[in-house]
Protein backbone atom coordinates (compact mmCIF):
# COMPACT_ATOMS: atom_id res chain seq x y z
CA UNK A 1 89.78 99.77 94.47
CA UNK A 2 91.12 98.47 97.75
CA UNK A 3 91.18 100.80 100.85
CA UNK A 4 94.34 100.62 102.96
CA UNK A 5 95.68 102.66 105.98
CA UNK A 6 99.08 103.80 106.83
CA UNK A 7 99.66 104.52 110.82
CA UNK A 8 102.44 106.59 112.23
CA UNK A 9 103.26 103.86 114.47
CA UNK A 10 105.06 105.68 117.46
CA UNK A 11 105.65 105.19 121.11
CA UNK A 12 102.67 107.20 121.75
CA UNK A 13 100.28 106.04 119.19
CA UNK A 14 97.87 102.96 119.18
CA UNK A 15 99.95 99.67 119.30
CA UNK A 16 100.68 98.68 115.67
CA UNK A 17 99.49 95.17 116.40
CA UNK A 18 96.01 96.58 117.92
CA UNK A 19 95.92 98.77 115.08
CA UNK A 20 96.10 96.11 112.46
CA UNK A 21 93.58 93.92 114.17
CA UNK A 22 91.05 97.03 114.43
CA UNK A 23 92.08 97.47 110.45
CA UNK A 24 91.26 93.91 109.77
CA UNK A 25 87.99 93.90 111.83
CA UNK A 26 86.88 96.89 109.69
CA UNK A 27 87.74 95.30 106.24
CA UNK A 28 90.75 97.42 105.23
CA UNK A 29 93.08 95.57 102.54
CA UNK A 30 96.48 96.20 104.15
CA UNK A 31 98.29 98.55 106.58
CA UNK A 32 101.56 100.47 106.03
CA UNK A 33 104.03 101.47 108.48
CA UNK A 34 106.59 104.11 107.66
CA UNK A 35 110.43 104.36 108.45
CA UNK A 36 112.74 106.85 109.76
CA UNK A 37 115.66 105.21 111.87
CA UNK A 38 116.12 108.76 113.42
CA UNK A 39 116.07 112.40 112.90
CA UNK A 40 119.10 114.49 113.12
CA UNK A 41 118.78 117.38 115.28
CA UNK A 42 120.60 119.80 112.95
CA UNK A 43 117.49 119.95 110.75
CA UNK A 44 119.42 121.05 107.82
CA UNK A 45 116.99 119.46 105.50
CA UNK A 46 113.77 121.23 105.26
CA UNK A 47 110.58 119.17 105.71
CA UNK A 48 109.10 118.67 102.18
CA UNK A 49 105.70 119.09 103.49
CA UNK A 50 106.61 122.60 104.78
CA UNK A 51 106.74 124.07 108.26
CA UNK A 52 108.17 122.32 111.29
CA UNK A 53 108.82 118.44 110.92
CA UNK A 54 105.79 116.79 112.58
CA UNK A 55 106.87 115.21 116.11
CA UNK A 56 105.80 111.61 114.72
CA UNK A 57 108.92 111.39 112.42
CA UNK A 58 111.56 111.25 115.52
CA UNK A 59 109.19 108.68 117.41
CA UNK A 60 108.52 106.07 114.80
CA UNK A 61 108.86 102.31 115.41
CA UNK A 62 111.25 100.10 113.54
CA UNK A 63 108.57 99.01 110.67
CA UNK A 64 109.82 95.31 110.47
CA UNK A 65 109.25 94.71 114.31
CA UNK A 66 106.07 96.64 114.15
CA UNK A 67 104.78 94.50 111.21
CA UNK A 68 105.95 91.27 112.81
CA UNK A 69 103.75 92.25 115.67
CA UNK A 70 100.97 93.00 113.33
CA UNK A 71 101.26 89.92 111.40
CA UNK A 72 101.23 87.71 114.53
CA UNK A 73 97.98 89.32 115.79
CA UNK A 74 96.24 88.93 112.34
CA UNK A 75 95.15 86.46 109.75
CA UNK A 76 94.36 88.00 106.58
CA UNK A 77 95.17 91.68 106.35
CA UNK A 78 98.30 92.42 104.20
CA UNK A 79 101.25 94.24 105.96
CA UNK A 80 103.55 96.64 104.08
CA UNK A 81 106.54 99.07 104.55
CA UNK A 82 105.40 102.37 103.89
CA UNK A 83 108.20 103.07 102.81
CA UNK A 84 111.46 101.26 103.72
CA UNK A 85 114.51 103.33 103.41
CA UNK A 86 116.83 100.77 101.91
CA UNK A 87 119.83 103.25 101.57
CA UNK A 88 119.87 103.25 105.61
CA UNK A 89 119.77 99.41 105.91
CA UNK A 90 122.52 96.70 105.22
CA UNK A 91 121.21 94.77 102.37
CA UNK A 92 121.97 91.42 103.57
CA UNK A 93 120.33 92.04 106.79
CA UNK A 94 117.49 93.59 105.02
CA UNK A 95 117.08 90.53 102.72
CA UNK A 96 116.78 88.37 105.61
CA UNK A 97 114.25 90.57 107.40
CA UNK A 98 111.96 90.68 104.39
CA UNK A 99 112.15 86.98 103.87
CA UNK A 100 111.47 86.20 107.43
CA UNK A 101 108.48 88.75 107.48
CA UNK A 102 107.05 87.31 104.53
CA UNK A 103 107.46 83.83 106.03
CA UNK A 104 105.88 84.88 109.40
CA UNK A 105 103.10 86.61 107.83
CA UNK A 106 102.38 83.59 105.49
CA UNK A 107 102.89 85.53 102.48
CA UNK A 108 101.16 88.79 103.31
CA UNK A 109 104.21 91.22 103.18
CA UNK A 110 104.52 94.08 100.44
CA UNK A 111 107.91 95.66 100.48
CA UNK A 112 107.55 99.27 99.80
CA UNK A 113 110.75 101.14 99.24
CA UNK A 114 112.11 104.39 98.98
CA UNK A 115 115.29 106.57 99.19
CA UNK A 116 114.28 109.04 101.35
CA UNK A 117 114.37 113.03 101.56
CA UNK A 118 116.46 113.82 104.67
CA UNK A 119 120.13 114.02 103.85
CA UNK A 120 121.66 114.17 107.04
CA UNK A 121 119.71 110.90 108.10
CA UNK A 122 121.04 109.13 105.30
CA UNK A 123 124.59 110.38 105.55
CA UNK A 124 124.70 109.13 109.11
CA UNK A 125 124.06 105.77 107.35
CA UNK A 126 127.10 106.40 105.10
CA UNK A 127 124.85 107.06 101.92
CA UNK A 128 125.52 110.47 100.21
CA UNK A 129 122.45 112.06 99.13
CA UNK A 130 123.42 112.46 95.65
CA UNK A 131 124.10 108.77 95.39
CA UNK A 132 121.22 107.44 97.06
CA UNK A 133 119.28 105.97 94.15
CA UNK A 134 122.26 104.34 92.74
CA UNK A 135 122.72 102.85 96.30
CA UNK A 136 119.12 101.79 96.45
CA UNK A 137 119.18 100.15 93.06
CA UNK A 138 122.30 98.16 93.71
CA UNK A 139 121.04 97.10 97.21
CA UNK A 140 117.85 95.86 95.65
CA UNK A 141 119.61 93.87 93.10
CA UNK A 142 121.71 92.22 95.54
CA UNK A 143 118.79 91.15 97.71
CA UNK A 144 116.88 89.75 94.70
CA UNK A 145 119.91 87.36 94.27
CA UNK A 146 119.95 86.61 97.94
CA UNK A 147 116.15 85.92 97.95
CA UNK A 148 116.00 83.85 94.58
CA UNK A 149 119.29 82.04 94.41
CA UNK A 150 120.82 79.07 96.76
CA UNK A 151 124.60 80.50 96.62
CA UNK A 152 123.95 84.50 96.15
CA UNK A 153 126.93 86.38 94.75
CA UNK A 154 126.97 90.42 93.96
CA UNK A 155 129.72 92.81 93.28
CA UNK A 156 128.90 96.23 92.33
CA UNK A 157 130.17 99.68 93.42
CA UNK A 158 128.25 100.02 96.51
CA UNK A 159 127.47 96.35 97.51
CA UNK A 160 129.85 93.60 97.05
CA UNK A 161 129.94 89.96 98.56
CA UNK A 162 131.21 86.61 97.58
CA UNK A 163 128.73 83.50 97.36
CA UNK A 164 126.66 83.06 100.53
CA UNK A 165 123.85 81.06 101.83
CA UNK A 166 120.69 83.01 103.55
CA UNK A 167 117.66 81.42 104.46
CA UNK A 168 114.50 81.59 104.82
CA UNK A 169 113.53 82.31 101.29
CA UNK A 170 110.41 84.27 100.81
CA UNK A 171 106.86 82.53 100.80
CA UNK A 172 105.83 84.68 97.63
CA UNK A 173 107.82 83.95 94.48
CA UNK A 174 110.17 85.17 93.43
CA UNK A 175 110.11 87.68 96.27
CA UNK A 176 107.16 89.95 97.82
CA UNK A 177 106.02 92.67 95.56
CA UNK A 178 108.30 95.67 95.64
CA UNK A 179 106.43 98.99 95.43
CA UNK A 180 108.43 102.20 94.91
CA UNK A 181 107.58 105.38 96.93
CA UNK A 182 108.16 108.13 94.36
CA UNK A 183 106.70 110.99 92.51
CA UNK A 184 108.68 112.09 89.67
CA UNK A 185 109.33 110.78 86.04
CA UNK A 186 112.55 109.62 87.37
CA UNK A 187 110.66 107.52 89.95
CA UNK A 188 108.49 106.09 87.50
CA UNK A 189 111.25 105.13 85.31
CA UNK A 190 112.43 102.94 88.18
CA UNK A 191 109.09 101.72 88.74
CA UNK A 192 109.11 100.65 85.05
CA UNK A 193 112.30 98.98 85.20
CA UNK A 194 112.49 96.85 88.54
CA UNK A 195 109.25 97.12 90.73
CA UNK A 196 106.05 95.67 91.19
CA UNK A 197 104.15 98.62 92.22
CA UNK A 198 104.07 102.46 92.20
CA UNK A 199 102.74 104.40 95.37
CA UNK A 200 103.23 108.05 94.94
CA UNK A 201 102.02 110.54 97.50
CA UNK A 202 98.61 112.41 96.72
CA UNK A 203 99.78 115.81 96.97
CA UNK A 204 103.18 115.43 95.01
CA UNK A 205 101.38 114.46 91.69
CA UNK A 206 99.63 117.53 90.04
CA UNK A 207 98.41 115.39 86.98
CA UNK A 208 97.53 111.92 87.92
CA UNK A 209 95.94 110.85 84.88
CA UNK A 210 99.23 112.17 82.65
CA UNK A 211 101.48 110.58 85.59
CA UNK A 212 99.61 107.09 84.91
CA UNK A 213 99.69 107.32 81.25
CA UNK A 214 103.55 108.18 81.64
CA UNK A 215 104.22 105.16 83.60
CA UNK A 216 102.20 102.85 81.34
CA UNK A 217 104.33 104.12 78.43
CA UNK A 218 107.63 103.59 80.41
CA UNK A 219 106.41 100.12 81.15
CA UNK A 220 105.63 99.30 77.49
CA UNK A 221 109.08 100.48 76.60
CA UNK A 222 110.68 98.04 78.87
CA UNK A 223 108.47 95.17 77.81
CA UNK A 224 106.21 95.18 80.45
CA UNK A 225 102.27 95.09 80.87
CA UNK A 226 100.63 98.02 82.39
CA UNK A 227 98.21 95.57 84.40
CA UNK A 228 101.34 93.96 85.98
CA UNK A 229 102.27 96.96 88.14
CA UNK A 230 99.73 98.16 90.96
CA UNK A 231 99.07 101.64 91.61
CA UNK A 232 98.33 102.91 95.05
CA UNK A 233 98.08 106.55 96.55
CA UNK A 234 99.66 107.44 99.84
CA UNK A 235 97.80 110.11 101.87
CA UNK A 236 94.61 109.50 99.84
CA UNK A 237 91.90 112.22 100.58
CA UNK A 238 89.03 110.88 102.86
CA UNK A 239 86.63 112.38 99.92
CA UNK A 240 84.59 109.78 98.37
CA UNK A 241 84.25 111.79 95.22
CA UNK A 242 88.14 112.13 94.73
CA UNK A 243 88.32 108.39 95.61
CA UNK A 244 85.79 107.55 92.82
CA UNK A 245 87.81 109.53 90.50
CA UNK A 246 91.11 107.26 91.44
CA UNK A 247 88.85 104.33 91.03
CA UNK A 248 87.99 105.57 87.59
CA UNK A 249 91.55 106.14 86.46
CA UNK A 250 92.19 102.61 87.64
CA UNK A 251 94.14 103.09 90.79
CA UNK A 252 94.51 99.73 92.70
CA UNK A 253 94.73 100.94 96.39
CA UNK A 254 94.04 104.06 98.22
CA UNK A 255 95.74 104.37 101.63
CA UNK A 256 94.56 106.61 104.11
CA UNK A 257 96.78 108.41 106.58
CA UNK A 258 96.13 107.76 110.22
CA UNK A 259 98.35 110.19 112.56
CA UNK A 260 99.79 109.19 116.03
CA UNK A 261 96.76 109.49 118.08
CA UNK A 262 95.51 107.85 121.23
CA UNK A 263 93.26 104.40 120.85
CA UNK A 264 89.88 105.96 121.15
CA UNK A 265 90.48 108.68 118.68
CA UNK A 266 92.17 106.27 116.26
CA UNK A 267 89.12 103.81 116.47
CA UNK A 268 86.84 106.83 115.70
CA UNK A 269 88.85 107.90 112.58
CA UNK A 270 89.23 104.14 111.36
CA UNK A 271 85.37 103.91 111.77
CA UNK A 272 84.95 107.22 109.58
CA UNK A 273 87.05 105.62 107.08
CA UNK A 274 85.50 102.28 106.95
CA UNK A 275 82.31 103.96 105.81
CA UNK A 276 84.12 104.92 102.66
CA UNK A 277 84.10 101.47 101.82
CA UNK A 278 80.38 101.31 101.63
CA UNK A 279 80.13 104.44 99.54
CA UNK A 280 82.54 103.19 96.98
CA UNK A 281 80.73 100.16 96.76
CA UNK A 282 82.78 97.69 98.46
């Protein structure tokens, strides 16, 4: 099982390029940067984690710019959105961003996606909360056409464009791995239909063995093989016994969260996380 990190890359945290270098030096497999374009002041939608919304959420960098900086500063470590809120982005522009980042990173990009939880945030982008998953699916279908076809065309309810040219195409073929951030059975069904990976939050999955079995059953029903879809865990615990349990269950990647800290505190935390690699035997 590979160990990865997720940084709340903010204007007061360690720089995302410096963070990626530090993670690469310590042998982590990948770095993941989350997204919120903004946080509405109304705070109508409660924070899913309970209590007050952490400060980081309104200070997060744009993930594609942060990841481009990380890619330029590193050579081997993979980079990923954790996760990109597709329902808040124009699909033609987003397809260009994904393909460009995959090219500039020399094929190291993983496209983590999600529909989000903040209703006001997505409504500010024109996406009604109740329709967010339908919007996400159409935008993803449209982007796949842009990545794989010379003259791409798409006509749906939420996305529609006549034939267009758009380069660069992704280095990874047919496109970077698409990893769905979702924890419910409905989310696993979406993974089974059109994604290459599943990345639920640790605290949102009560029975992980049952959830993995459910995902595998759904994949088989769609004519796919379980081994073709990677399983990662967001906010994985820094507990070697729990991580070994993940490993025994066939989890491919554990993603350890790094809050927005100063450089010294961040490096100390990375050193502590790095010691888990030795304890897990890799």
